[in-house]
Amino acid sequence: MKNQHADARKFLYKALNGISPFGKFKTAIQNMNLDRKWHDFEQECAEREVKEWLDSRQIDWTGFTK
């Protein structure tokens, strides 16, 4: 799953920077507020990775959640 996230991140960064054939959609992507959605997605993935890391070490993380 991590590789899929990395691939998606690379694709979106290229698209947002106009490097890919989808560069012409840069304005449309920005208008859809994709930057904000992507930030939320990355944050969610990071939180999940931390939870999985803590779970794998059997650490009680319940007090650290929102």
N, C-alpha and C. Protein backbone atom coordinates (compact mmCIF):
# COMPACT_ATOMS: atom_id res chain seq x y z
N MET A 1 0.82 -1.19 0.00
CA MET A 1 0.00 0.00 0.00
C MET A 1 0.87 1.26 0.00
N LYS A 2 2.00 1.20 0.70
CA LYS A 2 2.87 2.37 0.74
C LYS A 2 3.34 2.75 -0.66
N ASN A 3 3.64 1.75 -1.50
CA ASN A 3 4.10 2.04 -2.85
C ASN A 3 3.01 2.73 -3.66
N GLN A 4 1.76 2.32 -3.44
CA GLN A 4 0.65 2.97 -4.15
C GLN A 4 0.55 4.43 -3.73
N HIS A 5 0.73 4.70 -2.44
CA HIS A 5 0.67 6.09 -1.97
C HIS A 5 1.82 6.90 -2.57
N ALA A 6 3.00 6.30 -2.61
CA ALA A 6 4.16 7.01 -3.17
C ALA A 6 3.94 7.29 -4.66
N ASP A 7 3.41 6.31 -5.39
CA ASP A 7 3.14 6.50 -6.81
C ASP A 7 2.11 7.61 -7.02
N ALA A 8 1.06 7.59 -6.21
CA ALA A 8 0.02 8.61 -6.33
C ALA A 8 0.59 9.99 -6.01
N ARG A 9 1.44 10.05 -5.00
CA ARG A 9 2.06 11.33 -4.61
C ARG A 9 2.92 11.86 -5.74
N LYS A 10 3.74 11.01 -6.34
CA LYS A 10 4.60 11.44 -7.44
C LYS A 10 3.76 11.93 -8.62
N PHE A 11 2.70 11.19 -8.94
CA PHE A 11 1.83 11.56 -10.05
C PHE A 11 1.21 12.93 -9.81
N LEU A 12 0.67 13.13 -8.60
CA LEU A 12 0.02 14.40 -8.31
C LEU A 12 1.01 15.55 -8.30
N TYR A 13 2.19 15.34 -7.74
CA TYR A 13 3.19 16.40 -7.74
C TYR A 13 3.57 16.78 -9.17
N LYS A 14 3.74 15.77 -10.02
CA LYS A 14 4.08 16.05 -11.42
C LYS A 14 2.93 16.79 -12.10
N ALA A 15 1.71 16.35 -11.84
CA ALA A 15 0.55 17.00 -12.46
C ALA A 15 0.43 18.44 -11.98
N LEU A 16 0.62 18.65 -10.70
CA LEU A 16 0.49 20.00 -10.15
C LEU A 16 1.59 20.91 -10.67
N ASN A 17 2.75 20.36 -10.96
CA ASN A 17 3.87 21.15 -11.46
C ASN A 17 3.89 21.26 -12.98
N GLY A 18 2.93 20.63 -13.64
CA GLY A 18 2.83 20.73 -15.08
C GLY A 18 3.87 19.91 -15.83
N ILE A 19 4.45 18.89 -15.18
CA ILE A 19 5.49 18.09 -15.81
C ILE A 19 4.87 16.98 -16.66
N SER A 20 3.69 16.51 -16.28
CA SER A 20 3.05 15.40 -16.98
C SER A 20 2.12 15.92 -18.07
N PRO A 21 1.59 15.03 -18.90
CA PRO A 21 0.62 15.44 -19.91
C PRO A 21 -0.63 16.07 -19.28
N PHE A 22 -0.81 15.84 -17.99
CA PHE A 22 -1.98 16.37 -17.30
C PHE A 22 -1.73 17.78 -16.78
N GLY A 23 -0.58 18.35 -17.10
CA GLY A 23 -0.26 19.69 -16.64
C GLY A 23 -1.28 20.74 -17.05
N LYS A 24 -1.92 20.51 -18.19
CA LYS A 24 -2.92 21.49 -18.64
C LYS A 24 -4.12 21.54 -17.70
N PHE A 25 -4.25 20.54 -16.84
CA PHE A 25 -5.34 20.51 -15.88
C PHE A 25 -4.93 21.11 -14.54
N LYS A 26 -3.74 21.69 -14.50
CA LYS A 26 -3.23 22.24 -13.24
C LYS A 26 -4.21 23.20 -12.59
N THR A 27 -4.74 24.12 -13.37
CA THR A 27 -5.68 25.11 -12.83
C THR A 27 -6.94 24.42 -12.33
N ALA A 28 -7.43 23.47 -13.08
CA ALA A 28 -8.64 22.76 -12.67
C ALA A 28 -8.40 21.99 -11.37
N ILE A 29 -7.24 21.37 -11.27
CA ILE A 29 -6.90 20.62 -10.06
C ILE A 29 -6.84 21.57 -8.86
N GLN A 30 -6.22 22.72 -9.06
CA GLN A 30 -6.14 23.68 -7.96
C GLN A 30 -7.52 24.21 -7.62
N ASN A 31 -8.36 24.40 -8.62
CA ASN A 31 -9.72 24.89 -8.36
C ASN A 31 -10.54 23.88 -7.58
N MET A 32 -10.24 22.60 -7.73
CA MET A 32 -10.95 21.57 -6.98
C MET A 32 -10.43 21.45 -5.56
N ASN A 33 -9.46 22.29 -5.21
CA ASN A 33 -8.90 22.29 -3.86
C ASN A 33 -8.18 20.96 -3.57
N LEU A 34 -7.55 20.41 -4.60
CA LEU A 34 -6.88 19.12 -4.44
C LEU A 34 -5.69 19.21 -3.49
N ASP A 35 -5.02 20.37 -3.46
CA ASP A 35 -3.90 20.53 -2.54
C ASP A 35 -4.34 20.24 -1.12
N ARG A 36 -5.48 20.80 -0.73
CA ARG A 36 -5.99 20.61 0.63
C ARG A 36 -6.39 19.16 0.85
N LYS A 37 -7.08 18.59 -0.14
CA LYS A 37 -7.51 17.19 -0.02
C LYS A 37 -6.29 16.28 0.08
N TRP A 38 -5.26 16.57 -0.70
CA TRP A 38 -4.05 15.74 -0.68
C TRP A 38 -3.35 15.85 0.66
N HIS A 39 -3.30 17.06 1.21
CA HIS A 39 -2.69 17.25 2.53
C HIS A 39 -3.44 16.42 3.57
N ASP A 40 -4.76 16.44 3.51
CA ASP A 40 -5.58 15.65 4.45
C ASP A 40 -5.30 14.16 4.27
N PHE A 41 -5.18 13.72 3.00
CA PHE A 41 -4.90 12.32 2.72
C PHE A 41 -3.54 11.91 3.28
N GLU A 42 -2.52 12.76 3.06
CA GLU A 42 -1.19 12.45 3.59
C GLU A 42 -1.21 12.39 5.11
N GLN A 43 -1.93 13.30 5.74
CA GLN A 43 -2.01 13.32 7.20
C GLN A 43 -2.69 12.05 7.70
N GLU A 44 -3.75 11.64 7.02
CA GLU A 44 -4.47 10.42 7.40
C GLU A 44 -3.55 9.21 7.27
N CYS A 45 -2.77 9.15 6.19
CA CYS A 45 -1.85 8.04 5.98
C CYS A 45 -0.77 8.03 7.07
N ALA A 46 -0.25 9.20 7.40
CA ALA A 46 0.78 9.30 8.43
C ALA A 46 0.23 8.83 9.78
N GLU A 47 -0.99 9.25 10.10
CA GLU A 47 -1.60 8.84 11.37
C GLU A 47 -1.80 7.32 11.39
N ARG A 48 -2.21 6.75 10.25
CA ARG A 48 -2.42 5.31 10.18
C ARG A 48 -1.08 4.57 10.35
N GLU A 49 -0.01 5.09 9.73
CA GLU A 49 1.29 4.46 9.85
C GLU A 49 1.79 4.49 11.30
N VAL A 50 1.56 5.61 11.98
CA VAL A 50 1.97 5.71 13.39
C VAL A 50 1.17 4.71 14.21
N LYS A 51 -0.14 4.63 13.98
CA LYS A 51 -0.98 3.69 14.71
C LYS A 51 -0.50 2.26 14.48
N GLU A 52 -0.21 1.91 13.21
CA GLU A 52 0.25 0.56 12.90
C GLU A 52 1.58 0.28 13.58
N TRP A 53 2.47 1.27 13.62
CA TRP A 53 3.77 1.10 14.27
C TRP A 53 3.58 0.85 15.76
N LEU A 54 2.72 1.64 16.39
CA LEU A 54 2.47 1.46 17.82
C LEU A 54 1.79 0.12 18.09
N ASP A 55 0.82 -0.24 17.23
CA ASP A 55 0.13 -1.52 17.40
C ASP A 55 1.10 -2.68 17.26
N SER A 56 2.05 -2.56 16.34
CA SER A 56 2.99 -3.66 16.12
C SER A 56 3.90 -3.86 17.33
N ARG A 57 4.04 -2.81 18.15
CA ARG A 57 4.86 -2.90 19.36
C ARG A 57 4.00 -3.04 20.61
N GLN A 58 2.70 -3.23 20.40
CA GLN A 58 1.72 -3.42 21.47
C GLN A 58 1.79 -2.28 22.50
N ILE A 59 1.86 -1.06 21.97
CA ILE A 59 1.87 0.13 22.83
C ILE A 59 0.45 0.68 22.88
N ASP A 60 0.00 1.03 24.07
CA ASP A 60 -1.34 1.61 24.20
C ASP A 60 -1.29 3.06 23.73
N TRP A 61 -1.92 3.34 22.58
CA TRP A 61 -1.87 4.66 21.97
C TRP A 61 -3.18 5.41 22.09
N THR A 62 -4.14 4.86 22.86
CA THR A 62 -5.48 5.44 22.89
C THR A 62 -5.49 6.89 23.37
N GLY A 63 -4.60 7.27 24.24
CA GLY A 63 -4.57 8.64 24.75
C GLY A 63 -3.99 9.64 23.77
N PHE A 64 -3.44 9.17 22.65
CA PHE A 64 -2.77 10.06 21.70
C PHE A 64 -3.64 10.41 20.51
N THR A 65 -4.85 9.86 20.44
CA THR A 65 -5.71 10.13 19.28
C THR A 65 -6.48 11.42 19.49
N LYS A 66 -7.10 11.87 18.41
CA LYS A 66 -7.88 13.12 18.47
C LYS A 66 -9.08 12.93 19.38
